[in-house]
């Protein structure tokens, strides 16, 4: 991978059950990651 794309990929995937019983569906949504202590950085091995 040449570069990081934190703006597009730093997010949580949220899954919600919609409906009841066997015919329920799953809705996917996304929520941004809140940076608190540590800024993301490239791993260097």
PDB file of N, CA and C in Angstrom:
ATOM      1  N   UNK A   1       0.844  -1.177   0.000  1.00  0.00           N
ATOM      2  CA  UNK A   1       0.000   0.000   0.000  1.00  0.00           C
ATOM      3  C   UNK A   1       0.888   1.238   0.000  1.00  0.00           C
ATOM      4  N   UNK A   2       0.722   2.112  -0.953  1.00  0.00           N
ATOM      5  CA  UNK A   2       1.633   3.250  -1.047  1.00  0.00           C
ATOM      6  C   UNK A   2       1.428   4.296   0.048  1.00  0.00           C
ATOM      7  N   UNK A   3       0.209   4.656   0.357  1.00  0.00           N
ATOM      8  CA  UNK A   3      -0.067   5.719   1.335  1.00  0.00           C
ATOM      9  C   UNK A   3      -1.252   5.351   2.210  1.00  0.00           C
ATOM     10  N   UNK A   4      -1.321   5.997   3.357  1.00  0.00           N
ATOM     11  CA  UNK A   4      -2.477   5.827   4.249  1.00  0.00           C
ATOM     12  C   UNK A   4      -3.624   6.700   3.762  1.00  0.00           C
ATOM     13  N   UNK A   5      -4.847   6.242   3.987  1.00  0.00           N
ATOM     14  CA  UNK A   5      -6.032   7.011   3.635  1.00  0.00           C
ATOM     15  C   UNK A   5      -6.926   7.074   4.871  1.00  0.00           C
ATOM     16  N   UNK A   6      -6.448   7.731   5.921  1.00  0.00           N
ATOM     17  CA  UNK A   6      -7.179   7.783   7.189  1.00  0.00           C
ATOM     18  C   UNK A   6      -8.530   8.472   7.056  1.00  0.00           C
ATOM     19  N   UNK A   7      -8.646   9.462   6.196  1.00  0.00           N
ATOM     20  CA  UNK A   7      -9.912  10.189   6.054  1.00  0.00           C
ATOM     21  C   UNK A   7     -11.038   9.264   5.605  1.00  0.00           C
ATOM     22  N   UNK A   8     -10.724   8.273   4.795  1.00  0.00           N
ATOM     23  CA  UNK A   8     -11.752   7.375   4.284  1.00  0.00           C
ATOM     24  C   UNK A   8     -11.911   6.110   5.116  1.00  0.00           C
ATOM     25  N   UNK A   9     -10.829   5.635   5.721  1.00  0.00           N
ATOM     26  CA  UNK A   9     -10.867   4.330   6.373  1.00  0.00           C
ATOM     27  C   UNK A   9     -10.917   4.366   7.892  1.00  0.00           C
ATOM     28  N   UNK A  10     -10.716   5.500   8.517  1.00  0.00           N
ATOM     29  CA  UNK A  10     -10.765   5.569   9.982  1.00  0.00           C
ATOM     30  C   UNK A  10     -12.216   5.768  10.422  1.00  0.00           C
ATOM     31  N   UNK A  11     -12.975   4.672  10.442  1.00  0.00           N
ATOM     32  CA  UNK A  11     -14.370   4.723  10.851  1.00  0.00           C
ATOM     33  C   UNK A  11     -14.780   3.380  11.431  1.00  0.00           C
ATOM     34  N   UNK A  12     -15.791   3.423  12.289  1.00  0.00           N
ATOM     35  CA  UNK A  12     -16.355   2.206  12.872  1.00  0.00           C
ATOM     36  C   UNK A  12     -17.500   1.752  11.982  1.00  0.00           C
ATOM     37  N   UNK A  13     -17.638   0.455  11.787  1.00  0.00           N
ATOM     38  CA  UNK A  13     -18.782  -0.102  11.082  1.00  0.00           C
ATOM     39  C   UNK A  13     -19.810  -0.504  12.127  1.00  0.00           C
ATOM     40  N   UNK A  14     -21.017   0.040  12.000  1.00  0.00           N
ATOM     41  CA  UNK A  14     -22.094  -0.220  12.944  1.00  0.00           C
ATOM     42  C   UNK A  14     -23.135  -1.108  12.259  1.00  0.00           C
ATOM     43  N   UNK A  15     -23.547  -2.199  12.914  1.00  0.00           N
ATOM     44  CA  UNK A  15     -24.556  -3.111  12.374  1.00  0.00           C
ATOM     45  C   UNK A  15     -25.785  -3.069  13.273  1.00  0.00           C
ATOM     46  N   UNK A  16     -26.951  -2.859  12.661  1.00  0.00           N
ATOM     47  CA  UNK A  16     -28.210  -2.767  13.397  1.00  0.00           C
ATOM     48  C   UNK A  16     -29.189  -3.791  12.853  1.00  0.00           C
ATOM     49  N   UNK A  17     -29.899  -4.472  13.752  1.00  0.00           N
ATOM     50  CA  UNK A  17     -30.942  -5.410  13.360  1.00  0.00           C
ATOM     51  C   UNK A  17     -32.231  -4.621  13.165  1.00  0.00           C
ATOM     52  N   UNK A  18     -32.842  -4.786  11.993  1.00  0.00           N
ATOM     53  CA  UNK A  18     -34.077  -4.079  11.665  1.00  0.00           C
ATOM     54  C   UNK A  18     -35.179  -5.115  11.493  1.00  0.00           C
ATOM     55  N   UNK A  19     -36.219  -5.024  12.300  1.00  0.00           N
ATOM     56  CA  UNK A  19     -37.319  -5.973  12.215  1.00  0.00           C
ATOM     57  C   UNK A  19     -37.215  -7.044  13.286  1.00  0.00           C
ATOM     58  N   UNK A  20     -38.195  -7.945  13.283  1.00  0.00           N
ATOM     59  CA  UNK A  20     -38.253  -9.009  14.279  1.00  0.00           C
ATOM     60  C   UNK A  20     -38.277 -10.374  13.600  1.00  0.00           C
ATOM     61  N   UNK A  21     -37.848 -11.362  14.326  1.00  0.00           N
ATOM     62  CA  UNK A  21     -37.956 -12.740  13.871  1.00  0.00           C
ATOM     63  C   UNK A  21     -36.971 -13.111  12.781  1.00  0.00           C
ATOM     64  N   UNK A  22     -37.330 -14.165  12.042  1.00  0.00           N
ATOM     65  CA  UNK A  22     -36.441 -14.697  11.013  1.00  0.00           C
ATOM     66  C   UNK A  22     -36.328 -13.797   9.789  1.00  0.00           C
ATOM     67  N   UNK A  23     -37.301 -12.921   9.594  1.00  0.00           N
ATOM     68  CA  UNK A  23     -37.283 -12.059   8.415  1.00  0.00           C
ATOM     69  C   UNK A  23     -36.660 -10.701   8.697  1.00  0.00           C
ATOM     70  N   UNK A  24     -35.948 -10.592   9.788  1.00  0.00           N
ATOM     71  CA  UNK A  24     -35.306  -9.315  10.101  1.00  0.00           C
ATOM     72  C   UNK A  24     -34.151  -9.064   9.132  1.00  0.00           C
ATOM     73  N   UNK A  25     -33.779  -7.818   9.007  1.00  0.00           N
ATOM     74  CA  UNK A  25     -32.710  -7.416   8.104  1.00  0.00           C
ATOM     75  C   UNK A  25     -31.609  -6.757   8.923  1.00  0.00           C
ATOM     76  N   UNK A  26     -30.451  -6.592   8.334  1.00  0.00           N
ATOM     77  CA  UNK A  26     -29.337  -5.932   9.012  1.00  0.00           C
ATOM     78  C   UNK A  26     -28.982  -4.676   8.235  1.00  0.00           C
ATOM     79  N   UNK A  27     -28.899  -3.561   8.938  1.00  0.00           N
ATOM     80  CA  UNK A  27     -28.525  -2.284   8.328  1.00  0.00           C
ATOM     81  C   UNK A  27     -27.112  -1.940   8.769  1.00  0.00           C
ATOM     82  N   UNK A  28     -26.258  -1.612   7.817  1.00  0.00           N
ATOM     83  CA  UNK A  28     -24.893  -1.199   8.125  1.00  0.00           C
ATOM     84  C   UNK A  28     -24.794   0.311   8.030  1.00  0.00           C
ATOM     85  N   UNK A  29     -24.086   0.894   8.979  1.00  0.00           N
ATOM     86  CA  UNK A  29     -23.871   2.336   9.006  1.00  0.00           C
ATOM     87  C   UNK A  29     -22.431   2.569   9.447  1.00  0.00           C
ATOM     88  N   UNK A  30     -21.953   3.772   9.304  1.00  0.00           N
ATOM     89  CA  UNK A  30     -20.568   4.087   9.653  1.00  0.00           C
ATOM     90  C   UNK A  30     -20.524   5.276  10.589  1.00  0.00           C
ATOM     91  N   UNK A  31     -19.548   5.275  11.477  1.00  0.00           N
ATOM     92  CA  UNK A  31     -19.390   6.327  12.476  1.00  0.00           C
ATOM     93  C   UNK A  31     -17.906   6.706  12.501  1.00  0.00           C
ATOM     94  N   UNK A  32     -17.576   8.001  12.461  1.00  0.00           N
ATOM     95  CA  UNK A  32     -16.160   8.379  12.439  1.00  0.00           C
ATOM     96  C   UNK A  32     -15.452   8.030  13.742  1.00  0.00           C
ATOM     97  N   UNK A  33     -14.172   7.745  13.644  1.00  0.00           N
ATOM     98  CA  UNK A  33     -13.338   7.467  14.809  1.00  0.00           C
ATOM     99  C   UNK A  33     -12.919   8.797  15.419  1.00  0.00           C
ATOM    100  N   UNK A  34     -13.050   8.925  16.727  1.00  0.00           N
ATOM    101  CA  UNK A  34     -12.627  10.134  17.428  1.00  0.00           C
ATOM    102  C   UNK A  34     -11.217   9.897  17.965  1.00  0.00           C
ATOM    103  N   UNK A  35     -10.274  10.690  17.513  1.00  0.00           N
ATOM    104  CA  UNK A  35      -8.888  10.575  17.978  1.00  0.00           C
ATOM    105  C   UNK A  35      -8.773  11.255  19.337  1.00  0.00           C
ATOM    106  N   UNK A  36      -8.271  10.541  20.334  1.00  0.00           N
ATOM    107  CA  UNK A  36      -8.133  11.121  21.667  1.00  0.00           C
ATOM    108  C   UNK A  36      -6.675  11.280  22.056  1.00  0.00           C
ATOM    109  N   UNK A  37      -5.983  10.209  22.309  1.00  0.00           N
ATOM    110  CA  UNK A  37      -4.608  10.303  22.801  1.00  0.00           C
ATOM    111  C   UNK A  37      -3.554  10.195  21.711  1.00  0.00           C
ATOM    112  N   UNK A  38      -3.707   9.219  20.845  1.00  0.00           N
ATOM    113  CA  UNK A  38      -2.638   8.887  19.912  1.00  0.00           C
ATOM    114  C   UNK A  38      -3.080   9.137  18.473  1.00  0.00           C
ATOM    115  N   UNK A  39      -2.288   9.891  17.748  1.00  0.00           N
ATOM    116  CA  UNK A  39      -2.558  10.109  16.337  1.00  0.00           C
ATOM    117  C   UNK A  39      -2.138   8.861  15.556  1.00  0.00           C
ATOM    118  N   UNK A  40      -2.895   8.484  14.523  1.00  0.00           N
ATOM    119  CA  UNK A  40      -2.491   7.334  13.726  1.00  0.00           C
ATOM    120  C   UNK A  40      -1.198   7.636  12.973  1.00  0.00           C
ATOM    121  N   UNK A  41      -0.378   6.604  12.815  1.00  0.00           N
ATOM    122  CA  UNK A  41       0.871   6.786  12.078  1.00  0.00           C
ATOM    123  C   UNK A  41       1.209   5.512  11.322  1.00  0.00           C
ATOM    124  N   UNK A  42       2.068   5.641  10.369  1.00  0.00           N
ATOM    125  CA  UNK A  42       2.493   4.513   9.559  1.00  0.00           C
ATOM    126  C   UNK A  42       3.344   3.563  10.389  1.00  0.00           C
ATOM    127  N   UNK A  43       3.111   2.255  10.206  1.00  0.00           N
ATOM    128  CA  UNK A  43       3.949   1.254  10.873  1.00  0.00           C
ATOM    129  C   UNK A  43       5.242   1.102  10.090  1.00  0.00           C
ATOM    130  N   UNK A  44       6.331   1.083  10.799  1.00  0.00           N
ATOM    131  CA  UNK A  44       7.639   0.915  10.151  1.00  0.00           C
ATOM    132  C   UNK A  44       8.326  -0.277  10.795  1.00  0.00           C
ATOM    133  N   UNK A  45       8.462  -1.346  10.064  1.00  0.00           N
ATOM    134  CA  UNK A  45       9.077  -2.571  10.581  1.00  0.00           C
ATOM    135  C   UNK A  45      10.504  -2.652  10.146  1.00  0.00           C
TER     136      UNK A  45
END
